[in-house]
Amino acid sequence: MPNAKRRAVFLDRDGVINDALVINGKPFSPMNLAELRILPGVPEACVQLKKAGFLLIDVTNQPDIANAKTTAALVDVLNQAVKKATGVDDIFVCPHNDAANCDCRKPKPGLLLQAAQRWDIDLANSFMVGDRWRDVEAGRSAGCRTVFIDYGYNEPRPERPDMVTTSLAAITPDIIKISEGLR
């Protein structure tokens, strides 16, 4: 019997793993380690998801690199702090802004597809958790189930996420229960 593909929970970073800085109803990335705050319940949710057999893959748009508001090196420092706090297995970053029209910037599924190739992930039995329409659309385009964390941002809402929740911690039991039915 060939090796079975792996299941993953893809996690947007800002607003899912760590607190997004909300200014005028719009979320922004932390700009330094002092601003990086892991959201309550996230480390515990990550442990539960890993125990349930999921890979945890952080997929994050970081347009502030392209917009020269931060550096790739600083984003890497923040990502390593996130990895240490949560135990995510890998982190995929899109450093571009919308003008670049790249394949990796969510809402396009490029980051998820790269991760699926690297980690041999079964996208149909995986989940994408995000707090913005871009995350949900990327997950849907990649063939994943989608989870929208609704913070009521002043921006468009995603169309037809599979689940809506208030936090990663709140939805984790449901992800595990649904995944058990998929086996």
Foldseek 3Di string as FASTA:
>chain_A
DDDDFFAAEEEEPDPAQWDFDADQLDGHDDQAPVRTGGDPQQQVLLVLCVVLRHQYEYQYEACCCVVVVHHPVRVVVSVVVSCVSRVHPYYHYDNHDVVVVDQRFFVRQVRVVVCCVVRVHDLLLYEFEDAAQRRQNNSVNSNHQYEHQHPPGPDDHHPDHVYYHNHSSVCSVVSSVVSVVVD
